[in-house]
């Protein structure tokens, strides 16, 4: 049994979306639209992932763009998602 079975499906959707587009930064709204996860849930999940060191943030003026960090933890998570 995979660890993925124990994680909130919304978190899995967001992680898979970001893993699929590892090199790109996305605005919160783009992540929400690309995953069909409500904006408020996306915001909450992104903040949790940021606190865990999984998400990288780039300031673009007043906007924040997000992508997965490139570290061992993230690579292990991506492996589990495959």
C-alpha atoms as a PDB file:
ATOM      1  CA  UNK A   1       0.000   0.000   0.000  1.00  0.00           C
ATOM      2  CA  UNK A   2       1.298   3.424  -0.932  1.00  0.00           C
ATOM      3  CA  UNK A   3       1.536   6.433   1.380  1.00  0.00           C
ATOM      4  CA  UNK A   4      -0.508   8.286  -1.250  1.00  0.00           C
ATOM      5  CA  UNK A   5      -3.610   6.449  -0.015  1.00  0.00           C
ATOM      6  CA  UNK A   6      -3.366   8.292   3.310  1.00  0.00           C
ATOM      7  CA  UNK A   7      -3.023  11.831   1.942  1.00  0.00           C
ATOM      8  CA  UNK A   8      -5.922  14.178   1.174  1.00  0.00           C
ATOM      9  CA  UNK A   9      -6.841  13.791  -2.541  1.00  0.00           C
ATOM     10  CA  UNK A  10      -6.719  17.582  -2.968  1.00  0.00           C
ATOM     11  CA  UNK A  11      -3.097  17.634  -1.810  1.00  0.00           C
ATOM     12  CA  UNK A  12      -2.308  14.808  -4.240  1.00  0.00           C
ATOM     13  CA  UNK A  13      -3.903  16.737  -7.118  1.00  0.00           C
ATOM     14  CA  UNK A  14      -1.835  19.829  -6.352  1.00  0.00           C
ATOM     15  CA  UNK A  15       1.406  17.896  -5.927  1.00  0.00           C
ATOM     16  CA  UNK A  16       0.833  15.965  -9.165  1.00  0.00           C
ATOM     17  CA  UNK A  17       0.036  19.169 -11.058  1.00  0.00           C
ATOM     18  CA  UNK A  18       3.193  20.873  -9.812  1.00  0.00           C
ATOM     19  CA  UNK A  19       5.278  17.729 -10.414  1.00  0.00           C
ATOM     20  CA  UNK A  20       4.044  17.566 -13.994  1.00  0.00           C
ATOM     21  CA  UNK A  21       5.201  21.149 -14.557  1.00  0.00           C
ATOM     22  CA  UNK A  22       8.292  21.112 -12.322  1.00  0.00           C
ATOM     23  CA  UNK A  23      10.147  23.880 -14.130  1.00  0.00           C
ATOM     24  CA  UNK A  24       7.266  26.386 -14.155  1.00  0.00           C
ATOM     25  CA  UNK A  25       5.929  28.839 -11.598  1.00  0.00           C
ATOM     26  CA  UNK A  26       2.156  29.116 -11.145  1.00  0.00           C
ATOM     27  CA  UNK A  27      -0.109  31.656  -9.522  1.00  0.00           C
ATOM     28  CA  UNK A  28      -2.500  30.314  -6.892  1.00  0.00           C
ATOM     29  CA  UNK A  29      -5.475  30.748  -9.226  1.00  0.00           C
ATOM     30  CA  UNK A  30      -3.702  28.801 -11.983  1.00  0.00           C
ATOM     31  CA  UNK A  31      -3.022  25.911  -9.607  1.00  0.00           C
ATOM     32  CA  UNK A  32      -6.625  25.958  -8.450  1.00  0.00           C
ATOM     33  CA  UNK A  33      -7.956  25.938 -12.016  1.00  0.00           C
ATOM     34  CA  UNK A  34      -5.488  23.290 -13.186  1.00  0.00           C
ATOM     35  CA  UNK A  35      -6.435  20.908 -10.387  1.00  0.00           C
ATOM     36  CA  UNK A  36     -10.145  21.709  -9.914  1.00  0.00           C
ATOM     37  CA  UNK A  37      -9.422  22.316  -6.234  1.00  0.00           C
ATOM     38  CA  UNK A  38     -11.298  25.291  -4.748  1.00  0.00           C
ATOM     39  CA  UNK A  39      -9.206  28.445  -4.294  1.00  0.00           C
ATOM     40  CA  UNK A  40      -9.481  28.501  -0.498  1.00  0.00           C
ATOM     41  CA  UNK A  41      -8.363  24.869  -0.254  1.00  0.00           C
ATOM     42  CA  UNK A  42      -5.520  25.513  -2.682  1.00  0.00           C
ATOM     43  CA  UNK A  43      -4.379  28.477  -0.573  1.00  0.00           C
ATOM     44  CA  UNK A  44      -4.447  26.394   2.625  1.00  0.00           C
ATOM     45  CA  UNK A  45      -2.606  23.464   1.037  1.00  0.00           C
ATOM     46  CA  UNK A  46       0.040  25.670  -0.601  1.00  0.00           C
ATOM     47  CA  UNK A  47       0.740  27.339   2.756  1.00  0.00           C
ATOM     48  CA  UNK A  48       1.160  23.953   4.453  1.00  0.00           C
ATOM     49  CA  UNK A  49       3.498  22.779   1.691  1.00  0.00           C
ATOM     50  CA  UNK A  50       5.461  26.019   1.999  1.00  0.00           C
ATOM     51  CA  UNK A  51       5.925  25.477   5.759  1.00  0.00           C
ATOM     52  CA  UNK A  52       7.176  21.943   5.060  1.00  0.00           C
ATOM     53  CA  UNK A  53       9.788  23.225   2.598  1.00  0.00           C
ATOM     54  CA  UNK A  54       8.171  21.611  -0.436  1.00  0.00           C
ATOM     55  CA  UNK A  55       7.114  24.763  -2.293  1.00  0.00           C
ATOM     56  CA  UNK A  56       9.304  27.558  -3.629  1.00  0.00           C
ATOM     57  CA  UNK A  57       7.844  31.080  -3.922  1.00  0.00           C
ATOM     58  CA  UNK A  58       8.749  33.767  -6.416  1.00  0.00           C
ATOM     59  CA  UNK A  59       7.446  37.306  -5.952  1.00  0.00           C
ATOM     60  CA  UNK A  60       6.211  38.875  -9.166  1.00  0.00           C
ATOM     61  CA  UNK A  61       5.316  42.419  -8.203  1.00  0.00           C
ATOM     62  CA  UNK A  62       2.451  41.998  -5.754  1.00  0.00           C
ATOM     63  CA  UNK A  63       1.763  38.421  -6.885  1.00  0.00           C
ATOM     64  CA  UNK A  64       3.271  35.194  -5.604  1.00  0.00           C
ATOM     65  CA  UNK A  65       4.076  32.324  -7.933  1.00  0.00           C
ATOM     66  CA  UNK A  66       4.725  28.791  -6.710  1.00  0.00           C
ATOM     67  CA  UNK A  67       6.606  25.692  -7.842  1.00  0.00           C
ATOM     68  CA  UNK A  68       8.039  22.578  -6.259  1.00  0.00           C
ATOM     69  CA  UNK A  69      11.495  22.908  -4.766  1.00  0.00           C
ATOM     70  CA  UNK A  70      14.210  20.642  -6.065  1.00  0.00           C
ATOM     71  CA  UNK A  71      15.382  18.724  -3.006  1.00  0.00           C
ATOM     72  CA  UNK A  72      15.474  15.161  -1.705  1.00  0.00           C
ATOM     73  CA  UNK A  73      12.111  15.422   0.063  1.00  0.00           C
ATOM     74  CA  UNK A  74      10.351  16.602  -3.083  1.00  0.00           C
ATOM     75  CA  UNK A  75      12.019  13.915  -5.214  1.00  0.00           C
ATOM     76  CA  UNK A  76      10.827  11.257  -2.743  1.00  0.00           C
ATOM     77  CA  UNK A  77       7.289  12.664  -2.839  1.00  0.00           C
ATOM     78  CA  UNK A  78       7.275  12.656  -6.632  1.00  0.00           C
ATOM     79  CA  UNK A  79       8.461   9.043  -6.633  1.00  0.00           C
ATOM     80  CA  UNK A  80       5.518   8.106  -4.397  1.00  0.00           C
ATOM     81  CA  UNK A  81       3.076   9.881  -6.712  1.00  0.00           C
ATOM     82  CA  UNK A  82       4.190   7.913  -9.787  1.00  0.00           C
END
